Protein backbone atom coordinates (compact mmCIF):
# COMPACT_ATOMS: atom_id res chain seq x y z
CA MET A 1 232.19 -113.05 91.99
CA ARG A 2 230.88 -111.74 88.21
CA PHE A 3 229.67 -115.45 88.14
CA GLY A 4 228.06 -114.65 91.71
CA ALA A 5 226.56 -111.62 89.89
CA LYS A 6 225.35 -113.10 86.78
CA TYR A 7 223.72 -116.08 89.01
CA LYS A 8 221.44 -113.94 90.61
CA LEU A 9 220.12 -111.90 87.95
CA VAL A 10 219.71 -115.37 85.81
CA LEU A 11 218.03 -116.57 89.22
CA ILE A 12 215.92 -113.36 89.25
CA LEU A 13 214.93 -113.52 85.57
CA MET A 14 213.91 -117.46 86.41
CA MET A 15 211.45 -116.58 89.43
CA CYS A 16 210.28 -113.76 87.11
CA CYS A 17 209.16 -115.90 84.95
CA PHE A 18 207.80 -118.49 87.08
CA GLY A 19 205.60 -115.85 88.13
CA LEU A 20 203.98 -115.03 85.46
CA SER A 21 203.63 -118.90 84.58
CA ALA A 22 201.56 -119.20 87.37
CA ALA A 23 199.28 -116.56 87.32
CA PRO A 24 195.61 -118.23 87.42
CA ALA A 25 194.53 -120.10 84.53
CA HIS A 26 191.07 -119.22 84.79
CA LYS A 27 190.83 -115.51 86.08
CA THR A 28 188.05 -113.39 84.60
CA ASP A 29 187.65 -109.87 84.94
CA ALA A 30 183.70 -110.37 83.62
CA PHE A 31 182.52 -111.08 87.87
CA THR A 32 184.07 -109.70 90.75
CA ASN A 33 186.62 -112.61 92.31
CA GLN A 34 184.11 -113.25 95.01
CA VAL A 35 182.95 -117.44 95.39
CA ILE A 36 179.22 -117.13 94.26
CA GLN A 37 176.99 -119.18 96.29
CA LYS A 38 173.80 -119.78 97.25
CA GLY A 39 172.28 -117.09 99.46
CA ALA A 40 174.39 -114.41 97.76
CA VAL A 41 172.71 -111.32 96.22
CA GLY A 42 173.91 -109.13 93.55
CA ASP A 43 175.07 -107.88 90.31
CA ASP A 44 177.35 -110.99 90.26
CA VAL A 45 174.33 -113.16 90.90
CA ILE A 46 172.41 -111.25 88.13
CA GLU A 47 175.45 -111.97 85.64
CA LEU A 48 175.33 -115.26 86.72
CA GLN A 49 171.68 -116.30 86.29
CA SER A 50 171.91 -114.06 82.84
CA ARG A 51 174.94 -116.26 81.34
CA LEU A 52 173.14 -119.16 82.65
CA GLN A 53 169.89 -118.34 80.99
CA TYR A 54 171.77 -117.35 77.96
CA LEU A 55 172.44 -120.91 78.00
CA GLY A 56 169.20 -122.41 78.79
CA TYR A 57 169.53 -124.05 81.56
CA TYR A 58 167.77 -121.34 84.16
CA GLN A 59 164.43 -120.37 83.68
CA GLY A 60 163.86 -118.33 86.30
CA GLN A 61 163.43 -114.97 87.14
CA ILE A 62 166.99 -113.15 86.65
CA ASP A 63 166.24 -111.50 89.96
CA GLY A 64 170.01 -111.37 91.95
CA VAL A 65 168.87 -113.63 94.25
CA PHE A 66 171.03 -117.32 94.47
CA GLY A 67 168.33 -119.85 95.51
CA TRP A 68 167.23 -123.02 94.71
CA GLY A 69 166.70 -122.19 90.88
CA THR A 70 169.64 -120.82 90.54
CA TYR A 71 171.95 -123.19 92.43
CA TRP A 72 170.28 -126.40 90.53
CA ALA A 73 170.75 -124.66 87.18
CA LEU A 74 174.77 -123.82 87.53
CA ARG A 75 175.57 -127.65 88.97
CA ASN A 76 173.38 -128.70 85.34
CA PHE A 77 176.44 -126.47 83.84
CA GLN A 78 179.20 -128.01 85.82
CA GLU A 79 177.81 -131.39 84.91
CA SER A 80 177.43 -130.46 81.02
CA PHE A 81 180.55 -128.64 81.08
CA GLY A 82 182.74 -131.52 82.61
CA LEU A 83 183.63 -128.84 85.80
CA LYS A 84 183.72 -129.82 89.71
CA VAL A 85 179.50 -130.04 89.92
CA ASP A 86 179.54 -127.96 93.64
CA GLY A 87 176.83 -125.78 93.23
CA LEU A 88 179.90 -123.13 93.45
CA ALA A 89 180.52 -120.36 91.08
CA GLY A 90 184.75 -120.50 91.12
CA GLU A 91 186.90 -118.61 88.78
CA ALA A 92 186.98 -121.82 86.35
CA THR A 93 183.03 -122.69 86.73
CA LYS A 94 183.49 -118.26 85.55
CA ALA A 95 185.89 -118.58 82.65
CA LYS A 96 183.36 -121.44 81.56
CA LEU A 97 180.99 -119.36 81.32
CA VAL A 98 181.89 -116.24 80.11
CA LYS A 99 183.68 -118.44 77.28
CA ALA A 100 180.35 -119.96 76.79
CA SER A 101 177.79 -116.76 76.98
CA LYS A 102 177.03 -113.22 76.44
CA TYR A 103 176.34 -111.25 78.86
CA ASN A 104 174.74 -107.66 77.61
CA LYS A 105 175.04 -106.05 81.04
CA GLN A 106 173.21 -102.72 80.31
CA PHE A 107 170.05 -104.53 78.73
CA VAL A 108 169.52 -106.79 81.79
CA LYS A 109 169.89 -104.30 83.98
CA GLU A 110 167.14 -101.92 82.10
CA GLN A 111 165.20 -104.76 82.03
CA ILE A 112 165.18 -105.13 85.38
CA LYS A 113 164.75 -101.25 85.98
CA LYS A 114 161.45 -101.75 84.01
CA GLY A 115 159.87 -104.61 86.21
CA LYS A 116 159.64 -107.18 83.86
CA LYS A 117 159.65 -110.63 84.59
CA PHE A 118 162.80 -111.18 83.24
CA THR A 119 162.82 -114.96 82.11
CA HIS A 120 164.12 -114.98 78.00
CA TYR A 121 167.25 -113.46 78.16
CA GLY A 122 169.31 -114.74 75.43
CA GLY A 123 168.30 -115.88 71.20
CA THR A 124 167.20 -112.51 69.55
CA GLU A 125 170.30 -109.36 69.85
CA PRO A 126 168.65 -107.34 72.11
CA SER A 127 169.33 -104.31 69.42
CA LYS A 128 166.83 -106.19 67.05
CA GLN A 129 164.13 -106.98 69.87
CA THR A 130 160.76 -105.69 69.08
CA GLY A 131 159.18 -107.57 71.89
CA PRO A 132 160.46 -110.27 74.56
CA ALA A 133 162.99 -112.22 73.26
CA PRO A 134 162.63 -116.14 72.49
CA ALA A 135 162.98 -118.21 75.16
CA PRO A 136 166.10 -120.59 74.98
CA LYS A 137 165.44 -124.06 72.42
CA ARG A 138 166.29 -126.38 75.14
CA GLN A 139 164.41 -129.17 77.11
CA ALA A 140 163.48 -128.05 80.47
CA PRO A 141 166.37 -129.36 82.79
CA THR A 142 166.51 -133.30 83.83
CA ALA A 143 168.62 -134.78 85.95
CA VAL A 144 171.46 -136.36 84.29
CA ASN A 145 172.56 -138.34 87.84
CA THR A 146 169.89 -137.99 90.97
CA PRO A 147 171.39 -134.69 92.90
CA ALA A 148 172.65 -135.50 96.50
CA GLY A 149 170.44 -134.57 99.43
CA PHE A 150 167.37 -137.04 97.90
CA SER A 151 167.14 -140.57 98.57
CA GLN A 152 165.29 -142.38 96.15
CA ASN A 153 163.04 -143.58 98.79
CA ASP A 154 162.55 -139.32 98.53
CA ILE A 155 161.90 -139.08 95.13
CA GLN A 156 159.58 -142.32 94.80
CA LEU A 157 157.37 -140.45 97.36
CA MET A 158 157.55 -137.31 95.09
CA ALA A 159 156.74 -139.21 92.23
CA ASN A 160 153.53 -141.15 94.03
CA ALA A 161 152.62 -137.38 95.39
CA VAL A 162 152.99 -135.82 91.80
CA HIS A 163 150.74 -139.03 90.25
CA GLY A 164 148.20 -138.70 93.12
CA GLU A 165 147.59 -135.30 92.63
CA ALA A 166 148.43 -134.52 89.15
CA ARG A 167 148.04 -137.05 87.01
CA GLY A 168 146.18 -136.26 84.14
CA GLU A 169 147.41 -132.52 83.99
CA PRO A 170 149.78 -130.94 81.36
CA TYR A 171 153.40 -132.25 82.07
CA GLU A 172 153.99 -128.19 83.51
CA GLY A 173 151.27 -128.79 86.15
CA GLN A 174 152.80 -131.92 87.69
CA VAL A 175 156.78 -130.30 87.91
CA ALA A 176 155.02 -126.93 89.43
CA VAL A 177 153.15 -129.94 91.97
CA ALA A 178 156.64 -131.34 92.76
CA ALA A 179 158.24 -128.23 93.18
CA VAL A 180 155.97 -126.69 95.51
CA ILE A 181 157.02 -129.97 97.59
CA LEU A 182 160.30 -128.77 97.35
CA ASN A 183 159.29 -125.51 98.07
CA ARG A 184 157.71 -126.61 102.07
CA VAL A 185 160.50 -128.57 102.10
CA ASN A 186 162.66 -125.54 101.88
CA SER A 187 160.48 -122.96 103.45
CA PRO A 188 160.90 -122.80 107.56
CA LEU A 189 157.18 -122.87 107.68
CA PHE A 190 156.99 -126.77 107.07
CA PRO A 191 158.84 -129.71 107.69
CA ASN A 192 162.20 -129.91 106.33
CA THR A 193 161.76 -133.50 104.82
CA VAL A 194 159.82 -134.78 101.98
CA SER A 195 158.30 -136.88 103.93
CA GLY A 196 156.90 -134.90 106.64
CA VAL A 197 156.48 -132.52 104.27
CA ILE A 198 153.72 -134.90 102.47
CA PHE A 199 152.18 -136.89 105.44
CA GLU A 200 151.79 -133.40 107.06
CA PRO A 201 147.81 -133.43 108.09
CA ARG A 202 145.59 -132.19 105.52
CA ALA A 203 148.62 -130.80 103.23
CA PHE A 204 147.69 -133.18 100.12
CA THR A 205 144.29 -135.07 99.33
CA ALA A 206 145.99 -137.38 97.46
CA VAL A 207 147.23 -138.33 101.00
CA ALA A 208 143.99 -138.34 102.77
CA ASP A 209 141.81 -140.77 99.88
CA GLY A 210 144.86 -142.85 99.62
CA GLN A 211 145.75 -142.37 96.28
CA ILE A 212 149.28 -141.65 97.33
CA TRP A 213 149.90 -145.56 96.65
CA LEU A 214 148.67 -145.92 93.48
CA THR A 215 152.37 -147.04 90.92
CA PRO A 216 153.46 -143.59 89.22
CA ASN A 217 154.21 -143.78 85.76
CA GLU A 218 157.28 -142.48 84.41
CA THR A 219 156.15 -139.19 83.35
CA SER A 220 155.87 -138.43 87.49
CA LYS A 221 158.83 -139.45 88.05
CA ARG A 222 160.32 -137.65 85.70
CA ALA A 223 158.35 -134.78 87.05
CA VAL A 224 159.63 -135.02 90.25
CA LEU A 225 163.51 -135.29 89.00
CA ASP A 226 163.59 -131.49 86.80
CA ALA A 227 161.92 -130.21 89.51
CA ILE A 228 164.83 -131.51 91.82
CA ASN A 229 167.01 -130.06 89.43
CA GLY A 230 166.00 -126.70 89.49
CA TRP A 231 162.36 -126.03 87.16
CA ASP A 232 159.76 -124.29 88.75
CA PRO A 233 156.95 -123.35 87.16
CA SER A 234 154.82 -122.62 89.70
CA THR A 235 156.87 -119.78 90.76
CA SER A 236 158.01 -120.62 94.21
CA ALA A 237 154.67 -121.63 95.55
CA LEU A 238 153.94 -123.29 98.45
CA TYR A 239 150.07 -123.87 97.61
CA TYR A 240 147.95 -125.34 95.15
CA PHE A 241 144.27 -126.16 94.94
CA ASN A 242 141.33 -126.77 92.36
CA PRO A 243 139.16 -124.36 91.79
CA ASP A 244 136.50 -127.45 91.41
CA THR A 245 136.22 -129.32 94.39
CA ALA A 246 138.28 -127.06 96.87
CA THR A 247 136.57 -127.18 100.47
CA SER A 248 138.25 -124.77 101.89
CA ALA A 249 137.55 -120.89 102.68
CA TRP A 250 140.89 -120.55 104.00
CA ILE A 251 143.35 -121.47 100.19
CA TRP A 252 141.11 -118.53 99.00
CA THR A 253 143.29 -116.36 100.89
CA ARG A 254 146.22 -116.77 99.81
CA PRO A 255 148.21 -114.67 97.19
CA GLN A 256 147.75 -116.19 93.59
CA ILE A 257 150.58 -116.88 91.33
CA LYS A 258 149.71 -118.57 88.30
CA ARG A 259 146.93 -121.04 87.03
CA ILE A 260 148.28 -124.55 85.63
CA GLY A 261 145.76 -126.48 83.73
CA LYS A 262 143.41 -126.98 86.65
CA HIS A 263 145.33 -125.83 90.20
CA ILE A 264 145.59 -122.36 90.79
CA PHE A 265 149.25 -122.02 92.72
CA CYS A 266 149.57 -119.42 95.64
CA LYS A 267 152.45 -118.07 97.97
């Protein structure tokens, strides 16, 4: 009986030790326990965008909305840090973000409440800032691998369109043109394929005048890959036009977002 009692005690202790060692290795209290994915909104997304921006992967506005820009920024982060590249912020990804970045929740929330287009988190410590913090010192995101969901034909066709529409424009403007194509693919107002968007009647001047078939240079191809990987200098625009050559009165009625080079980008 004594042996049996001792055996039970040893067994209980072993079970307790096993339970402690089996605790999740990636648990973190920085985020909630939800898996953050495209379509999510709220504080977890704000923290996700802030940490990704602190590291230089996310260049969009910190708005708490998990869209395509956040998705591709997260995939790029996962690729760089040897994580499973799925665009989902699970425990392992969140733990790696917490370890690799800083997040001042109070400071970020204050900036958002002030209505700032908060796209510069990182760099100078908030307490030492006298103006907007400098953008992270890194190049715009560039694709390492061709992202899933886009064929080589899609990328080639987009490069043709960017070259035909925006060669000679600043590089940022070329990426913005590519981003507009992707924004249309993701909008219910347009066809849901790259070819459908580009060849929609009267959509692009380069298609109408045949410049779509010019051989694109490497800059155009790189601009397409940067756009696919989440850089959107157009800030989610669906339209753009050259005010010096535009003949449509309708395009002037669209809410204008910004101008890059010769093109005005609109909602």
